[in-house]
C-alpha atoms as a PDB file:
ATOM      1  CA  UNK A   1      25.804  30.914 -54.795  1.00  0.00           C
ATOM      2  CA  UNK A   2      25.939  32.961 -51.609  1.00  0.00           C
ATOM      3  CA  UNK A   3      22.237  33.745 -51.942  1.00  0.00           C
ATOM      4  CA  UNK A   4      21.290  30.049 -52.010  1.00  0.00           C
ATOM      5  CA  UNK A   5      23.535  29.295 -49.074  1.00  0.00           C
ATOM      6  CA  UNK A   6      22.092  32.195 -47.081  1.00  0.00           C
ATOM      7  CA  UNK A   7      18.532  31.054 -47.869  1.00  0.00           C
ATOM      8  CA  UNK A   8      19.315  27.478 -46.841  1.00  0.00           C
ATOM      9  CA  UNK A   9      20.985  28.623 -43.613  1.00  0.00           C
ATOM     10  CA  UNK A  10      18.131  30.963 -42.646  1.00  0.00           C
ATOM     11  CA  UNK A  11      15.468  28.326 -43.367  1.00  0.00           C
ATOM     12  CA  UNK A  12      17.440  25.785 -41.371  1.00  0.00           C
ATOM     13  CA  UNK A  13      17.579  28.119 -38.359  1.00  0.00           C
ATOM     14  CA  UNK A  14      13.847  28.821 -38.649  1.00  0.00           C
ATOM     15  CA  UNK A  15      12.881  25.133 -38.568  1.00  0.00           C
ATOM     16  CA  UNK A  16      15.480  24.023 -36.066  1.00  0.00           C
ATOM     17  CA  UNK A  17      13.828  22.266 -33.133  1.00  0.00           C
ATOM     18  CA  UNK A  18      10.574  21.808 -35.055  1.00  0.00           C
ATOM     19  CA  UNK A  19       9.264  18.582 -36.427  1.00  0.00           C
ATOM     20  CA  UNK A  20       8.463  18.828 -40.073  1.00  0.00           C
ATOM     21  CA  UNK A  21       7.566  15.451 -41.500  1.00  0.00           C
ATOM     22  CA  UNK A  22       4.198  13.818 -41.011  1.00  0.00           C
ATOM     23  CA  UNK A  23       5.748  10.586 -39.678  1.00  0.00           C
ATOM     24  CA  UNK A  24       7.789  12.491 -37.125  1.00  0.00           C
ATOM     25  CA  UNK A  25       4.703  14.471 -36.104  1.00  0.00           C
ATOM     26  CA  UNK A  26       2.771  11.223 -35.659  1.00  0.00           C
ATOM     27  CA  UNK A  27       5.541   9.701 -33.557  1.00  0.00           C
ATOM     28  CA  UNK A  28       5.785  12.852 -31.466  1.00  0.00           C
ATOM     29  CA  UNK A  29       2.030  12.865 -30.837  1.00  0.00           C
ATOM     30  CA  UNK A  30       2.118   9.184 -29.847  1.00  0.00           C
ATOM     31  CA  UNK A  31       5.037   9.792 -27.494  1.00  0.00           C
ATOM     32  CA  UNK A  32       3.215  12.706 -25.891  1.00  0.00           C
ATOM     33  CA  UNK A  33       0.012  10.673 -25.402  1.00  0.00           C
ATOM     34  CA  UNK A  34       2.012   7.759 -23.946  1.00  0.00           C
ATOM     35  CA  UNK A  35       3.722  10.156 -21.556  1.00  0.00           C
ATOM     36  CA  UNK A  36       0.393  11.621 -20.434  1.00  0.00           C
ATOM     37  CA  UNK A  37      -1.090   8.136 -20.004  1.00  0.00           C
ATOM     38  CA  UNK A  38       1.881   6.943 -17.934  1.00  0.00           C
ATOM     39  CA  UNK A  39       1.778  10.044 -15.738  1.00  0.00           C
ATOM     40  CA  UNK A  40      -1.948   9.507 -15.144  1.00  0.00           C
ATOM     41  CA  UNK A  41      -1.342   5.838 -14.240  1.00  0.00           C
ATOM     42  CA  UNK A  42       1.517   6.835 -11.931  1.00  0.00           C
ATOM     43  CA  UNK A  43      -0.729   9.322 -10.133  1.00  0.00           C
ATOM     44  CA  UNK A  44      -3.509   6.751  -9.841  1.00  0.00           C
ATOM     45  CA  UNK A  45      -1.174   4.112  -8.417  1.00  0.00           C
ATOM     46  CA  UNK A  46       0.225   6.614  -5.915  1.00  0.00           C
ATOM     47  CA  UNK A  47      -3.313   7.449  -4.782  1.00  0.00           C
ATOM     48  CA  UNK A  48      -4.141   3.740  -4.424  1.00  0.00           C
ATOM     49  CA  UNK A  49      -0.940   3.235  -2.425  1.00  0.00           C
ATOM     50  CA  UNK A  50      -1.837   6.120  -0.118  1.00  0.00           C
ATOM     51  CA  UNK A  51      -5.375   4.791   0.419  1.00  0.00           C
ATOM     52  CA  UNK A  52      -4.001   1.317   1.185  1.00  0.00           C
ATOM     53  CA  UNK A  53      -1.508   2.729   3.693  1.00  0.00           C
ATOM     54  CA  UNK A  54      -4.291   4.716   5.369  1.00  0.00           C
ATOM     55  CA  UNK A  55      -6.575   1.677   5.576  1.00  0.00           C
ATOM     56  CA  UNK A  56      -3.712  -0.435   6.929  1.00  0.00           C
ATOM     57  CA  UNK A  57      -2.976   2.133   9.616  1.00  0.00           C
ATOM     58  CA  UNK A  58      -6.644   2.375  10.623  1.00  0.00           C
ATOM     59  CA  UNK A  59      -6.994  -1.395  10.909  1.00  0.00           C
ATOM     60  CA  UNK A  60      -3.572  -2.593  12.032  1.00  0.00           C
ATOM     61  CA  UNK A  61      -2.822  -0.068  14.774  1.00  0.00           C
ATOM     62  CA  UNK A  62      -5.844  -1.072  16.915  1.00  0.00           C
ATOM     63  CA  UNK A  63      -4.833  -4.714  16.473  1.00  0.00           C
ATOM     64  CA  UNK A  64      -1.310  -3.933  17.638  1.00  0.00           C
ATOM     65  CA  UNK A  65      -2.719  -2.124  20.670  1.00  0.00           C
ATOM     66  CA  UNK A  66      -4.875  -5.167  21.486  1.00  0.00           C
ATOM     67  CA  UNK A  67      -1.858  -7.464  21.112  1.00  0.00           C
ATOM     68  CA  UNK A  68       0.118  -5.216  23.444  1.00  0.00           C
ATOM     69  CA  UNK A  69      -2.674  -5.260  26.053  1.00  0.00           C
ATOM     70  CA  UNK A  70      -2.908  -9.047  25.848  1.00  0.00           C
ATOM     71  CA  UNK A  71       0.834  -9.428  26.246  1.00  0.00           C
ATOM     72  CA  UNK A  72       0.702  -7.184  29.298  1.00  0.00           C
ATOM     73  CA  UNK A  73      -2.072  -9.389  30.756  1.00  0.00           C
ATOM     74  CA  UNK A  74       0.014 -12.476  30.077  1.00  0.00           C
ATOM     75  CA  UNK A  75       3.019 -10.861  31.726  1.00  0.00           C
ATOM     76  CA  UNK A  76       0.979 -10.008  34.796  1.00  0.00           C
ATOM     77  CA  UNK A  77      -0.409 -13.557  34.927  1.00  0.00           C
ATOM     78  CA  UNK A  78       3.043 -15.079  34.643  1.00  0.00           C
ATOM     79  CA  UNK A  79       4.300 -12.752  37.372  1.00  0.00           C
ATOM     80  CA  UNK A  80       1.487 -13.979  39.627  1.00  0.00           C
ATOM     81  CA  UNK A  81       2.395 -17.601  38.942  1.00  0.00           C
ATOM     82  CA  UNK A  82       6.111 -17.062  39.500  1.00  0.00           C
ATOM     83  CA  UNK A  83       5.626 -14.848  42.562  1.00  0.00           C
ATOM     84  CA  UNK A  84       3.076 -17.123  44.161  1.00  0.00           C
ATOM     85  CA  UNK A  85       4.626 -19.598  46.547  1.00  0.00           C
ATOM     86  CA  UNK A  86       1.633 -21.133  48.260  1.00  0.00           C
ATOM     87  CA  UNK A  87      -1.195 -22.936  46.535  1.00  0.00           C
ATOM     88  CA  UNK A  88      -4.051 -20.579  47.233  1.00  0.00           C
ATOM     89  CA  UNK A  89      -7.243 -21.616  45.410  1.00  0.00           C
ATOM     90  CA  UNK A  90      -8.434 -18.030  44.951  1.00  0.00           C
ATOM     91  CA  UNK A  91      -5.115 -16.914  43.492  1.00  0.00           C
ATOM     92  CA  UNK A  92      -5.023 -19.898  41.156  1.00  0.00           C
ATOM     93  CA  UNK A  93      -8.552 -19.085  40.024  1.00  0.00           C
ATOM     94  CA  UNK A  94      -7.540 -15.471  39.265  1.00  0.00           C
ATOM     95  CA  UNK A  95      -4.551 -16.725  37.314  1.00  0.00           C
ATOM     96  CA  UNK A  96      -6.737 -19.125  35.322  1.00  0.00           C
ATOM     97  CA  UNK A  97      -9.233 -16.341  34.612  1.00  0.00           C
ATOM     98  CA  UNK A  98      -6.487 -13.948  33.480  1.00  0.00           C
ATOM     99  CA  UNK A  99      -4.933 -16.593  31.222  1.00  0.00           C
ATOM    100  CA  UNK A 100      -8.345 -17.508  29.843  1.00  0.00           C
ATOM    101  CA  UNK A 101      -9.109 -13.845  29.096  1.00  0.00           C
ATOM    102  CA  UNK A 102      -5.714 -13.473  27.403  1.00  0.00           C
ATOM    103  CA  UNK A 103      -6.444 -16.562  25.304  1.00  0.00           C
ATOM    104  CA  UNK A 104      -9.824 -15.161  24.245  1.00  0.00           C
ATOM    105  CA  UNK A 105      -8.166 -11.838  23.396  1.00  0.00           C
ATOM    106  CA  UNK A 106      -5.521 -13.563  21.303  1.00  0.00           C
ATOM    107  CA  UNK A 107      -8.197 -15.614  19.522  1.00  0.00           C
ATOM    108  CA  UNK A 108     -10.140 -12.430  18.709  1.00  0.00           C
ATOM    109  CA  UNK A 109      -6.971 -10.718  17.508  1.00  0.00           C
ATOM    110  CA  UNK A 110      -6.185 -13.688  15.276  1.00  0.00           C
ATOM    111  CA  UNK A 111      -9.724 -13.613  13.856  1.00  0.00           C
ATOM    112  CA  UNK A 112      -9.427  -9.873  13.134  1.00  0.00           C
ATOM    113  CA  UNK A 113      -6.004 -10.315  11.538  1.00  0.00           C
ATOM    114  CA  UNK A 114      -7.350 -13.073   9.292  1.00  0.00           C
ATOM    115  CA  UNK A 115     -10.292 -10.879   8.286  1.00  0.00           C
ATOM    116  CA  UNK A 116      -7.927  -7.980   7.627  1.00  0.00           C
ATOM    117  CA  UNK A 117      -5.693 -10.229   5.548  1.00  0.00           C
ATOM    118  CA  UNK A 118      -8.711 -11.259   3.478  1.00  0.00           C
ATOM    119  CA  UNK A 119      -9.639  -7.601   2.957  1.00  0.00           C
ATOM    120  CA  UNK A 120      -6.114  -6.684   1.874  1.00  0.00           C
ATOM    121  CA  UNK A 121      -5.993  -9.658  -0.508  1.00  0.00           C
ATOM    122  CA  UNK A 122      -9.339  -8.635  -2.004  1.00  0.00           C
ATOM    123  CA  UNK A 123      -8.043  -5.070  -2.485  1.00  0.00           C
ATOM    124  CA  UNK A 124      -4.914  -6.410  -4.185  1.00  0.00           C
ATOM    125  CA  UNK A 125      -7.004  -8.616  -6.486  1.00  0.00           C
ATOM    126  CA  UNK A 126      -9.298  -5.706  -7.340  1.00  0.00           C
ATOM    127  CA  UNK A 127      -6.348  -3.421  -8.121  1.00  0.00           C
ATOM    128  CA  UNK A 128      -4.736  -6.121 -10.274  1.00  0.00           C
ATOM    129  CA  UNK A 129      -7.992  -6.634 -12.167  1.00  0.00           C
ATOM    130  CA  UNK A 130      -8.321  -2.886 -12.771  1.00  0.00           C
ATOM    131  CA  UNK A 131      -4.777  -2.700 -14.096  1.00  0.00           C
ATOM    132  CA  UNK A 132      -5.403  -5.698 -16.334  1.00  0.00           C
ATOM    133  CA  UNK A 133      -8.571  -4.048 -17.669  1.00  0.00           C
ATOM    134  CA  UNK A 134      -6.626  -0.854 -18.358  1.00  0.00           C
ATOM    135  CA  UNK A 135      -3.890  -2.780 -20.152  1.00  0.00           C
ATOM    136  CA  UNK A 136      -6.468  -4.483 -22.378  1.00  0.00           C
ATOM    137  CA  UNK A 137      -8.377  -1.246 -22.991  1.00  0.00           C
END
């Protein structure tokens, strides 16, 4: 009796922590492959996020600088209007020119922002399509 118990106990200790049945081995292998797949997808999404942030920074920061310059031009133009007490034709012409230039700058900034928005939307659509393809595959 003690011999059988000792054999059972020693075999139990030997196989403890190991998977012995074929179904359990199959499930373990599937879990491991799912884990590897999810880690790979996570890494890919992080890389896509980083590329998108980089592209945003490269495109948006110059636009913000242009907006800032235009706002400074508008501020200077408004200061001329407010500070100007007499109706000097030359001064009025400079004010009109400055406001016109600011308007053109703002129009160009708006055009660039719209183009950038289209690019970002296209990148989002492409990423969504890739993820959908991966989910189907």
